[in-house]
Amino acid sequence: MDLPREELRARRLERLTSPRFWKRLVWLALLLSLIPMLCLAVYDHSCADDYSYSIATHLAWTESHSLWAVLKTALWEVAATYGSWQGTYTAIFLFSLQPGIFGDSFYAVTPLILLASLLLSTFWFFRVLCGRLLGEKDLGDLIAGLLLLLQIHLLPSPVQGLYWWNGACYYGLFHCLMLLQCALLAGLLLERKKAWPRVALGCLLGLLLGGGNYVSALLSAEMALLFLLLSLLRRRDRAGFALISAATLAGFLTSVLAPGNAVRQSYFERGSALGSILRSYREAAGFALSWTSMPLVLLALLFLAPFLWRLCRKKLPRGLRLLPAAGLLLLIFSAFASSFAPTLFAMGNVGEARVQNIRFYLWCILCVFGEAAIIAALQGLLANKSLPSPARLRARTAGFLAAVVIGAGAVSAFYVASGNWNRLSGASAAGALLGGAAAQYDAEAEARLALLRSGEKRVELPAFTVRPYLLYYDDIQDVPFGWQNQALAEYYGLEEVVLGPAGQ
């Protein structure tokens, strides 16, 4: 009678400590937590640079209702901006196609596009790395789901990262493209035969990334060169990797060397190359310490520790586990630090919160690689140490995982109970919905739109009385010559737009 009970207990513990069991719970929690954020999307509205980059495409759509005319106008906008303001050609094309040009209600798809892109690219990235490379598909899904919970709900500026088209697509979408290119390069490294369709796709992604924000463009170029080096060492499809690297670098240089960059640069004080590199390590250390010390990030890394321990022990030969962790950690940190170099060199500062968003995405991913490197090194040092029996080890692991989950729930509950809902994006969205701030903001935005379409050539818009954390980013000024005012007026064919007092 005791034997079946022991077997049943062993199977239950094995299930409770398996990546498959936890990945289902994590993805369920992720999807449920996104419901208020998706519901909030219907209250989203255009602002700031959404208007300035889409004046011509909005006019093309309202006059012709032809998608082809809109696309041609977007390409014209790319050419004009390339010579007059900045060289990020792919980004300018996307800016010109902000969803609001087809109708103000279409802007609600902005967070849907950004969330879907982040979910799919992160999922695919870890499915390839853990599934195809290591044969641990469930673990890859678990890591992806856990990191997405952190990346979405602890995002430094969720309005700039998910709900404002211009800022979100400029950084978030290109981060997603970078993950897809990295997954593609990793897959190509495993191929034993030529895979030219994938090489062509890699070249296309490289050209698109080169025309995006300079942080993602630089990281993509570094990544392409790293995989080229690995292909030379492994003697795998060196021509394909060389083509992808060349395309990525060509796109990057095409953007960097644009004549319009000199015009934009005149508004900023450029730093020295060496000084920017050295400062990037200092800035990276500060942000890394700040983000890693967040309670939910620490708990997530603790949660992954038992799974990464088993992964390294099972998949890595002892020789690899003895590699110095310090060198791997320095490489990982240097990759993170390089994300600060473009803004420090071009503007002399770390950039606005929307830039920190993709650095936070990147740091969460690099933390997992860093944790795996430390665990592998520990295993190399403890190779001769005896471990508890499998049954006792599973029991301890199950208890440990349960304690971490309870701790994460307690921290999240504390944020909500203390009234600091904006610490978590999902809680902030729920608060705006339940408290009526989202509906009030939407009603005021619709009233302003009615004034803009009233036929008057000079319009005074009442200031917002509510500013939901996930919906409000920026507004026009109380003088007509502000750049936001001029862009909004031109977008709607008006002579003058100013900001009036609230509640008019």
Protein backbone atom coordinates (compact mmCIF):
# COMPACT_ATOMS: atom_id res chain seq x y z
CA MET A 1 0.00 0.00 0.00
CA ASP A 2 2.88 2.40 0.74
CA LEU A 3 4.61 1.88 -2.62
CA PRO A 4 1.83 3.28 -4.81
CA ARG A 5 1.53 6.27 -2.47
CA GLU A 6 5.25 6.96 -2.75
CA GLU A 7 5.12 6.59 -6.51
CA LEU A 8 2.13 8.95 -6.68
CA ARG A 9 3.96 11.49 -4.54
CA ALA A 10 7.08 11.21 -6.70
CA ARG A 11 5.05 11.77 -9.86
CA ARG A 12 3.29 14.75 -8.32
CA LEU A 13 6.61 16.29 -7.31
CA GLU A 14 8.05 15.64 -10.75
CA ARG A 15 5.08 17.39 -12.30
CA LEU A 16 5.29 20.33 -9.89
CA THR A 17 8.95 20.86 -10.76
CA SER A 18 8.62 20.43 -14.53
CA PRO A 19 8.95 23.37 -16.96
CA ARG A 20 5.76 22.24 -18.75
CA PHE A 21 3.62 22.66 -15.62
CA TRP A 22 5.00 26.09 -14.80
CA LYS A 23 5.01 27.40 -18.36
CA ARG A 24 1.25 26.84 -18.50
CA LEU A 25 0.70 28.75 -15.27
CA VAL A 26 3.04 31.56 -16.29
CA TRP A 27 1.46 32.03 -19.71
CA LEU A 28 -2.02 31.89 -18.18
CA ALA A 29 -1.01 34.61 -15.70
CA LEU A 30 0.51 36.63 -18.55
CA LEU A 31 -2.58 36.43 -20.76
CA LEU A 32 -4.95 37.25 -17.89
CA SER A 33 -2.81 40.23 -16.87
CA LEU A 34 -3.01 41.60 -20.42
CA ILE A 35 -6.82 41.78 -20.42
CA PRO A 36 -7.08 45.24 -18.80
CA MET A 37 -4.27 46.54 -21.01
CA LEU A 38 -6.09 45.34 -24.12
CA CYS A 39 -9.37 46.82 -22.89
CA LEU A 40 -7.60 50.13 -22.35
CA ALA A 41 -6.57 50.22 -26.03
CA VAL A 42 -9.98 51.57 -27.16
CA TYR A 43 -9.29 54.79 -25.24
CA ASP A 44 -5.91 55.44 -26.92
CA HIS A 45 -5.37 58.58 -29.04
CA SER A 46 -2.65 60.10 -31.22
CA CYS A 47 -0.33 62.82 -29.93
CA ALA A 48 2.91 64.73 -30.55
CA ASP A 49 5.08 63.20 -33.31
CA ASP A 50 2.22 61.00 -34.45
CA TYR A 51 0.96 64.10 -36.24
CA SER A 52 4.22 65.68 -37.41
CA TYR A 53 5.38 62.65 -39.40
CA SER A 54 2.00 61.72 -40.91
CA ILE A 55 0.63 65.03 -42.22
CA ALA A 56 1.23 64.07 -45.84
CA THR A 57 -0.01 60.46 -45.53
CA HIS A 58 -3.13 61.59 -43.67
CA LEU A 59 -3.88 64.04 -46.47
CA ALA A 60 -3.25 61.34 -49.09
CA TRP A 61 -5.73 59.01 -47.39
CA THR A 62 -8.46 61.61 -46.87
CA GLU A 63 -8.22 62.76 -50.50
CA SER A 64 -7.96 59.38 -52.24
CA HIS A 65 -8.71 56.55 -49.76
CA SER A 66 -6.06 54.68 -51.72
CA LEU A 67 -3.58 52.54 -49.80
CA TRP A 68 -1.17 52.72 -52.72
CA ALA A 69 -1.26 56.53 -52.60
CA VAL A 70 -0.54 56.40 -48.85
CA LEU A 71 2.44 54.07 -49.34
CA LYS A 72 3.88 56.29 -52.11
CA THR A 73 3.49 59.32 -49.87
CA ALA A 74 5.20 57.47 -47.01
CA LEU A 75 8.17 56.75 -49.28
CA TRP A 76 8.26 60.42 -50.25
CA GLU A 77 8.31 61.31 -46.54
CA VAL A 78 11.29 58.98 -46.05
CA ALA A 79 13.22 60.65 -48.88
CA ALA A 80 12.42 64.17 -47.65
CA THR A 81 13.31 63.43 -44.03
CA TYR A 82 16.49 61.57 -45.03
CA GLY A 83 17.91 64.77 -46.46
CA SER A 84 16.49 67.24 -43.95
CA TRP A 85 16.28 65.68 -40.47
CA GLN A 86 17.33 62.07 -39.88
CA GLY A 87 18.40 58.95 -41.73
CA THR A 88 16.34 56.26 -39.97
CA TYR A 89 14.50 55.32 -43.15
CA THR A 90 12.55 52.30 -41.89
CA ALA A 91 11.39 54.19 -38.81
CA ILE A 92 10.25 57.24 -40.83
CA PHE A 93 8.21 54.95 -43.07
CA LEU A 94 6.47 53.48 -40.00
CA PHE A 95 5.97 56.93 -38.45
CA SER A 96 4.16 58.01 -41.61
CA LEU A 97 1.79 55.07 -41.32
CA GLN A 98 0.58 55.72 -37.79
CA PRO A 99 -2.85 54.02 -37.53
CA GLY A 100 -4.73 57.27 -36.86
CA ILE A 101 -4.33 58.46 -40.47
CA PHE A 102 -7.04 55.98 -41.51
CA GLY A 103 -9.43 57.30 -38.85
CA ASP A 104 -8.99 58.30 -35.23
CA SER A 105 -10.61 55.08 -33.98
CA PHE A 106 -7.93 53.00 -35.74
CA TYR A 107 -5.31 54.30 -33.33
CA ALA A 108 -6.59 51.71 -30.84
CA VAL A 109 -4.59 49.02 -32.70
CA THR A 110 -1.32 50.61 -31.52
CA PRO A 111 -0.96 48.66 -28.24
CA LEU A 112 -2.32 45.53 -29.93
CA ILE A 113 0.44 45.65 -32.56
CA LEU A 114 3.17 46.38 -30.03
CA LEU A 115 2.06 43.72 -27.54
CA ALA A 116 1.60 41.08 -30.24
CA SER A 117 5.04 41.85 -31.69
CA LEU A 118 6.72 41.62 -28.29
CA LEU A 119 4.96 38.38 -27.35
CA LEU A 120 5.64 36.62 -30.66
CA SER A 121 9.28 37.71 -31.05
CA THR A 122 10.23 36.87 -27.45
CA PHE A 123 8.44 33.53 -27.64
CA TRP A 124 10.12 32.64 -30.93
CA PHE A 125 13.55 33.79 -29.72
CA PHE A 126 13.53 31.43 -26.74
CA ARG A 127 11.77 28.66 -28.65
CA VAL A 128 14.70 28.61 -31.08
CA LEU A 129 17.44 29.03 -28.48
CA CYS A 130 16.09 26.54 -25.94
CA GLY A 131 14.04 24.33 -28.24
CA ARG A 132 16.12 23.89 -31.37
CA LEU A 133 19.55 24.42 -29.84
CA LEU A 134 19.10 22.63 -26.50
CA GLY A 135 16.01 20.47 -26.99
CA GLU A 136 14.21 22.17 -24.07
CA LYS A 137 11.13 23.66 -25.72
CA ASP A 138 9.07 23.85 -22.52
CA LEU A 139 11.85 25.66 -20.68
CA GLY A 140 12.16 28.16 -23.51
CA ASP A 141 8.43 28.85 -23.32
CA LEU A 142 8.66 29.24 -19.54
CA ILE A 143 11.54 31.73 -19.74
CA ALA A 144 9.78 33.71 -22.47
CA GLY A 145 6.53 33.93 -20.50
CA LEU A 146 8.27 34.94 -17.28
CA LEU A 147 10.37 37.62 -18.98
CA LEU A 148 7.31 38.98 -20.77
CA LEU A 149 5.57 39.40 -17.43
CA LEU A 150 8.51 41.48 -16.25
CA GLN A 151 9.04 43.40 -19.48
CA ILE A 152 5.40 44.41 -19.91
CA HIS A 153 4.38 45.14 -16.34
CA LEU A 154 7.63 46.74 -15.13
CA LEU A 155 8.28 48.73 -18.30
CA PRO A 156 9.95 52.08 -17.46
CA SER A 157 7.42 54.00 -19.59
CA PRO A 158 4.51 51.85 -20.81
CA VAL A 159 2.81 54.77 -22.54
CA GLN A 160 5.92 55.39 -24.67
CA GLY A 161 6.54 51.67 -25.09
CA LEU A 162 3.06 50.38 -25.92
CA TYR A 163 0.42 53.12 -26.31
CA TRP A 164 2.16 55.89 -28.28
CA TRP A 165 2.78 54.81 -31.86
CA ASN A 166 5.73 57.03 -32.69
CA GLY A 167 7.83 56.22 -29.64
CA ALA A 168 6.71 52.60 -29.36
CA CYS A 169 7.33 51.55 -32.95
CA TYR A 170 10.65 53.43 -33.10
CA TYR A 171 12.05 51.33 -30.29
CA GLY A 172 9.76 48.41 -29.46
CA LEU A 173 9.18 47.11 -32.99
CA PHE A 174 12.88 47.21 -33.84
CA HIS A 175 13.73 45.35 -30.64
CA CYS A 176 11.32 42.65 -31.83
CA LEU A 177 12.92 42.55 -35.28
CA MET A 178 16.33 42.22 -33.61
CA LEU A 179 15.13 39.18 -31.64
CA LEU A 180 13.78 37.60 -34.83
CA GLN A 181 17.08 38.16 -36.63
CA CYS A 182 19.02 36.70 -33.71
CA ALA A 183 16.78 33.62 -33.69
CA LEU A 184 17.22 33.26 -37.44
CA LEU A 185 21.02 33.49 -37.17
CA ALA A 186 21.05 30.90 -34.38
CA GLY A 187 18.95 28.58 -36.51
CA LEU A 188 21.23 29.04 -39.50
CA LEU A 189 24.21 28.09 -37.37
CA LEU A 190 22.59 24.66 -36.87
CA GLU A 191 21.83 24.07 -40.55
CA ARG A 192 23.98 21.48 -42.27
CA LYS A 193 22.90 22.56 -45.75
CA LYS A 194 22.48 25.84 -47.54
CA ALA A 195 19.37 27.77 -46.50
CA TRP A 196 19.30 30.67 -48.94
CA PRO A 197 15.65 31.69 -48.27
CA ARG A 198 16.60 32.22 -44.63
CA VAL A 199 19.73 34.07 -45.65
CA ALA A 200 17.59 36.36 -47.84
CA LEU A 201 15.23 36.93 -44.92
CA GLY A 202 18.20 37.67 -42.67
CA CYS A 203 19.48 40.24 -45.16
CA LEU A 204 16.04 41.87 -45.32
CA LEU A 205 15.84 42.04 -41.53
CA GLY A 206 19.34 43.53 -41.45
CA LEU A 207 18.35 46.27 -43.90
CA LEU A 208 15.18 47.02 -41.93
CA LEU A 209 17.05 47.12 -38.62
CA GLY A 210 19.70 49.41 -40.06
CA GLY A 211 17.00 51.98 -40.74
CA GLY A 212 15.60 51.89 -37.20
CA ASN A 213 16.75 53.42 -33.95
CA TYR A 214 20.52 53.46 -33.53
CA VAL A 215 20.51 51.39 -30.34
CA SER A 216 18.87 48.39 -32.02
CA ALA A 217 20.81 48.99 -35.25
CA LEU A 218 24.16 48.90 -33.43
CA LEU A 219 23.20 45.81 -31.41
CA SER A 220 22.06 44.06 -34.60
CA ALA A 221 25.35 44.84 -36.32
CA GLU A 222 27.29 43.50 -33.32
CA MET A 223 25.15 40.37 -33.25
CA ALA A 224 25.55 39.76 -37.00
CA LEU A 225 29.34 40.05 -36.72
CA LEU A 226 29.38 37.70 -33.71
CA PHE A 227 27.49 35.05 -35.64
CA LEU A 228 29.79 35.56 -38.62
CA LEU A 229 32.73 34.83 -36.31
CA LEU A 230 30.98 31.72 -34.97
CA SER A 231 30.29 30.52 -38.52
CA LEU A 232 33.98 30.92 -39.36
CA LEU A 233 34.95 28.91 -36.29
CA ARG A 234 32.40 26.17 -37.02
CA ARG A 235 32.80 26.37 -40.81
CA ARG A 236 29.06 26.68 -41.36
CA ASP A 237 27.58 28.66 -44.29
CA ARG A 238 30.15 31.41 -44.03
CA ALA A 239 28.90 33.08 -47.22
CA GLY A 240 25.36 33.34 -45.84
CA PHE A 241 26.48 34.90 -42.59
CA ALA A 242 28.79 37.27 -44.48
CA LEU A 243 25.86 38.46 -46.62
CA ILE A 244 23.64 39.05 -43.58
CA SER A 245 26.42 40.95 -41.83
CA ALA A 246 27.06 43.04 -44.93
CA ALA A 247 23.35 43.88 -45.31
CA THR A 248 23.03 44.84 -41.64
CA LEU A 249 26.12 47.04 -41.76
CA ALA A 250 25.04 48.58 -45.07
CA GLY A 251 21.66 49.53 -43.62
CA PHE A 252 23.29 50.97 -40.52
CA LEU A 253 25.78 53.04 -42.51
CA THR A 254 23.05 54.24 -44.88
CA SER A 255 21.18 55.61 -41.88
CA VAL A 256 24.23 57.05 -40.10
CA LEU A 257 25.56 58.84 -43.19
CA ALA A 258 22.27 60.56 -44.06
CA PRO A 259 22.66 64.31 -44.81
CA GLY A 260 19.72 65.12 -42.53
CA ASN A 261 21.56 63.80 -39.48
CA ALA A 262 23.84 66.84 -39.57
CA VAL A 263 20.77 69.09 -39.31
CA ARG A 264 19.39 67.19 -36.34
CA GLN A 265 22.82 66.94 -34.70
CA SER A 266 23.11 70.75 -34.66
CA TYR A 267 20.52 70.78 -31.86
CA PHE A 268 22.65 68.54 -29.63
CA GLU A 269 26.18 68.56 -28.28
CA ARG A 270 27.98 65.45 -29.50
CA GLY A 271 30.22 63.55 -27.12
CA SER A 272 33.61 62.06 -27.97
CA ALA A 273 33.74 58.46 -29.17
CA LEU A 274 36.06 57.22 -26.41
CA GLY A 275 34.30 59.24 -23.73
CA SER A 276 30.92 57.88 -24.82
CA ILE A 277 32.18 54.29 -24.65
CA LEU A 278 33.63 54.74 -21.17
CA ARG A 279 30.55 56.53 -19.92
CA SER A 280 28.31 53.84 -21.40
CA TYR A 281 29.76 51.30 -18.94
CA ARG A 282 29.10 53.63 -16.02
CA GLU A 283 25.53 54.37 -17.09
CA ALA A 284 24.90 50.69 -17.82
CA ALA A 285 26.08 49.73 -14.33
CA GLY A 286 23.67 52.18 -12.74
CA PHE A 287 20.65 51.03 -14.73
CA ALA A 288 21.57 47.34 -14.33
CA LEU A 289 21.79 47.70 -10.56
CA SER A 290 18.52 49.62 -10.39
CA TRP A 291 16.58 47.15 -12.53
CA THR A 292 18.08 43.96 -11.10
CA SER A 293 17.35 45.07 -7.55
CA MET A 294 13.63 45.37 -8.29
CA PRO A 295 11.90 42.76 -6.08
CA LEU A 296 9.94 41.10 -8.91
CA VAL A 297 13.04 40.84 -11.11
CA LEU A 298 15.02 39.22 -8.28
CA LEU A 299 12.18 36.79 -7.59
CA ALA A 300 11.93 35.88 -11.27
CA LEU A 301 15.65 35.09 -11.43
CA LEU A 302 15.37 33.00 -8.26
CA PHE A 303 12.44 31.15 -9.79
CA LEU A 304 14.46 30.26 -12.89
CA ALA A 305 17.51 29.08 -10.93
CA PRO A 306 16.43 25.41 -10.43
CA PHE A 307 15.47 25.07 -14.11
CA LEU A 308 18.70 26.61 -15.34
CA TRP A 309 20.64 24.40 -12.95
CA ARG A 310 19.12 21.28 -14.48
CA LEU A 311 19.56 22.66 -17.99
CA CYS A 312 23.28 23.37 -17.56
CA ARG A 313 23.89 20.06 -15.79
CA LYS A 314 22.06 18.13 -18.47
CA LYS A 315 23.17 19.92 -21.63
CA LEU A 316 26.64 21.33 -20.96
CA PRO A 317 29.77 19.14 -20.86
CA ARG A 318 31.83 19.60 -17.73
CA GLY A 319 34.53 21.37 -19.73
CA LEU A 320 32.12 24.12 -20.74
CA ARG A 321 30.81 24.41 -17.20
CA LEU A 322 34.36 25.16 -16.05
CA LEU A 323 34.72 28.14 -18.41
CA PRO A 324 35.40 31.34 -16.46
CA ALA A 325 32.09 33.00 -15.69
CA ALA A 326 33.82 36.36 -15.39
CA GLY A 327 34.64 36.48 -19.12
CA LEU A 328 31.10 35.55 -20.13
CA LEU A 329 29.59 38.07 -17.74
CA LEU A 330 31.88 40.80 -19.09
CA LEU A 331 30.77 39.98 -22.64
CA ILE A 332 27.11 40.09 -21.59
CA PHE A 333 27.53 43.37 -19.75
CA SER A 334 29.48 44.89 -22.64
CA ALA A 335 26.58 44.09 -24.97
CA PHE A 336 24.26 45.92 -22.59
CA ALA A 337 26.66 48.85 -22.23
CA SER A 338 26.89 49.23 -26.01
CA SER A 339 23.18 50.11 -26.04
CA PHE A 340 24.07 53.38 -24.26
CA ALA A 341 26.81 54.43 -26.68
CA PRO A 342 24.62 55.78 -29.53
CA THR A 343 22.63 58.24 -27.40
CA LEU A 344 25.65 59.29 -25.35
CA PHE A 345 27.64 59.97 -28.52
CA ALA A 346 24.85 61.74 -30.44
CA MET A 347 23.11 63.66 -27.64
CA GLY A 348 25.40 63.50 -24.61
CA ASN A 349 22.75 61.77 -22.46
CA VAL A 350 21.07 58.38 -22.02
CA GLY A 351 17.93 59.40 -23.89
CA GLU A 352 14.28 59.53 -22.91
CA ALA A 353 12.26 56.84 -21.19
CA ARG A 354 11.29 55.20 -24.49
CA VAL A 355 14.97 54.33 -25.02
CA GLN A 356 15.14 52.82 -21.53
CA ASN A 357 12.23 50.58 -22.49
CA ILE A 358 14.25 48.55 -24.98
CA ARG A 359 17.28 48.59 -22.71
CA PHE A 360 15.05 47.06 -20.03
CA TYR A 361 13.85 44.44 -22.53
CA LEU A 362 17.48 43.65 -23.35
CA TRP A 363 18.65 43.58 -19.73
CA CYS A 364 15.93 41.10 -18.71
CA ILE A 365 17.10 38.73 -21.44
CA LEU A 366 20.79 39.20 -20.63
CA CYS A 367 20.10 38.50 -16.94
CA VAL A 368 18.98 34.99 -17.87
CA PHE A 369 22.17 34.40 -19.85
CA GLY A 370 24.23 35.81 -17.01
CA GLU A 371 22.47 33.64 -14.45
CA ALA A 372 23.08 30.57 -16.61
CA ALA A 373 26.79 31.45 -16.85
CA ILE A 374 27.09 31.75 -13.06
CA ILE A 375 25.21 28.49 -12.50
CA ALA A 376 27.40 26.67 -15.03
CA ALA A 377 30.51 27.93 -13.26
CA LEU A 378 29.17 26.79 -9.89
CA GLN A 379 28.46 23.36 -11.29
CA GLY A 380 32.02 23.14 -12.51
CA LEU A 381 33.29 24.00 -9.02
CA LEU A 382 30.87 21.63 -7.25
CA ALA A 383 31.21 18.75 -9.69
CA ASN A 384 32.46 16.33 -7.04
CA LYS A 385 30.01 17.34 -4.33
CA SER A 386 27.26 14.90 -3.45
CA LEU A 387 23.67 16.05 -3.93
CA PRO A 388 20.47 15.01 -2.11
CA SER A 389 18.46 12.12 -3.52
CA PRO A 390 16.25 12.96 -6.56
CA ALA A 391 13.08 12.67 -4.48
CA ARG A 392 14.34 14.99 -1.76
CA LEU A 393 15.72 17.41 -4.35
CA ARG A 394 12.34 17.60 -6.10
CA ALA A 395 10.55 18.19 -2.81
CA ARG A 396 12.89 21.05 -1.94
CA THR A 397 12.58 22.49 -5.45
CA ALA A 398 8.78 22.37 -5.33
CA GLY A 399 8.75 24.15 -1.99
CA PHE A 400 11.24 26.73 -3.22
CA LEU A 401 9.22 27.49 -6.36
CA ALA A 402 6.01 27.80 -4.36
CA ALA A 403 7.68 30.21 -1.94
CA VAL A 404 8.97 32.39 -4.78
CA VAL A 405 5.52 32.52 -6.41
CA ILE A 406 3.91 33.47 -3.10
CA GLY A 407 6.56 36.17 -2.66
CA ALA A 408 5.86 37.59 -6.12
CA GLY A 409 2.15 37.64 -5.39
CA ALA A 410 2.75 39.41 -2.08
CA VAL A 411 4.93 42.09 -3.73
CA SER A 412 2.32 42.69 -6.47
CA ALA A 413 -0.47 42.86 -3.89
CA PHE A 414 1.54 45.35 -1.86
CA TYR A 415 1.91 47.65 -4.88
CA VAL A 416 -1.85 47.61 -5.44
CA ALA A 417 -2.82 47.86 -1.76
CA SER A 418 -0.48 50.81 -1.22
CA GLY A 419 -2.18 52.68 -4.05
CA ASN A 420 0.93 52.68 -6.23
CA TRP A 421 -0.83 51.00 -9.15
CA ASN A 422 1.47 52.55 -11.72
CA ARG A 423 4.30 50.28 -10.55
CA LEU A 424 2.61 47.55 -12.62
CA SER A 425 1.27 48.23 -16.12
CA GLY A 426 -1.63 45.80 -15.82
CA ALA A 427 -2.70 47.22 -12.46
CA SER A 428 -2.43 50.76 -13.82
CA ALA A 429 -4.65 49.83 -16.76
CA ALA A 430 -7.20 48.23 -14.43
CA GLY A 431 -7.16 51.31 -12.19
CA ALA A 432 -7.76 53.66 -15.13
CA LEU A 433 -10.66 51.51 -16.31
CA LEU A 434 -12.31 50.93 -12.93
CA GLY A 435 -11.77 54.49 -11.70
CA GLY A 436 -13.22 56.05 -14.83
CA ALA A 437 -10.07 58.00 -15.76
CA ALA A 438 -9.75 56.18 -19.10
CA ALA A 439 -13.35 56.91 -20.10
CA GLN A 440 -13.02 60.55 -19.01
CA TYR A 441 -9.79 60.97 -20.98
CA ASP A 442 -11.42 59.43 -24.05
CA ALA A 443 -14.48 61.70 -23.77
CA GLU A 444 -12.28 64.78 -23.52
CA ALA A 445 -10.15 63.62 -26.47
CA GLU A 446 -13.28 63.08 -28.58
CA ALA A 447 -14.54 66.56 -27.65
CA ARG A 448 -11.24 68.03 -28.80
CA LEU A 449 -11.46 66.10 -32.07
CA ALA A 450 -14.93 67.56 -32.65
CA LEU A 451 -13.47 71.06 -32.27
CA LEU A 452 -10.66 70.25 -34.70
CA ARG A 453 -13.23 69.16 -37.30
CA SER A 454 -15.65 72.01 -36.62
CA GLY A 455 -14.60 74.04 -39.65
CA GLU A 456 -13.07 76.84 -37.61
CA LYS A 457 -9.57 77.83 -38.71
CA ARG A 458 -8.44 78.93 -35.24
CA VAL A 459 -9.20 76.50 -32.43
CA GLU A 460 -8.60 76.54 -28.70
CA LEU A 461 -8.54 73.05 -27.18
CA PRO A 462 -9.33 72.55 -23.48
CA ALA A 463 -6.55 70.93 -21.45
CA PHE A 464 -7.15 67.41 -20.19
CA THR A 465 -8.50 67.16 -16.66
CA VAL A 466 -7.22 63.57 -16.32
CA ARG A 467 -3.96 62.07 -17.53
CA PRO A 468 -3.99 58.25 -17.28
CA TYR A 469 -0.48 56.87 -16.84
CA LEU A 470 -0.72 54.50 -19.80
CA LEU A 471 -2.58 56.83 -22.17
CA TYR A 472 -1.28 60.38 -21.74
CA TYR A 473 2.18 61.26 -23.03
CA ASP A 474 2.28 64.85 -24.31
CA ASP A 475 0.09 67.78 -25.36
CA ILE A 476 0.14 71.02 -27.32
CA GLN A 477 1.18 74.33 -25.73
CA ASP A 478 -0.77 77.46 -24.82
CA VAL A 479 1.02 79.36 -27.60
CA PRO A 480 0.41 78.67 -31.32
CA PHE A 481 4.06 78.50 -32.38
CA GLY A 482 4.94 75.32 -30.45
CA TRP A 483 5.97 72.49 -32.77
CA GLN A 484 3.18 70.26 -31.45
CA ASN A 485 0.64 73.01 -32.16
CA GLN A 486 1.92 73.57 -35.69
CA ALA A 487 1.92 69.86 -36.51
CA LEU A 488 -1.62 69.38 -35.18
CA ALA A 489 -2.90 72.44 -37.06
CA GLU A 490 -1.36 71.31 -40.34
CA TYR A 491 -2.60 67.75 -39.84
CA TYR A 492 -6.22 68.98 -39.65
CA GLY A 493 -5.80 71.81 -42.16
CA LEU A 494 -6.14 74.64 -39.62
CA GLU A 495 -4.35 77.94 -39.25
CA GLU A 496 -3.84 77.93 -35.50
CA VAL A 497 -4.32 75.61 -32.52
CA VAL A 498 -3.67 76.58 -28.91
CA LEU A 499 -4.21 74.97 -25.53
CA GLY A 500 -6.83 76.55 -23.30
CA PRO A 501 -7.71 76.01 -19.62
CA ALA A 502 -9.10 72.67 -18.49
CA GLY A 503 -12.79 71.95 -18.26
CA GLN A 504 -14.02 74.37 -20.95
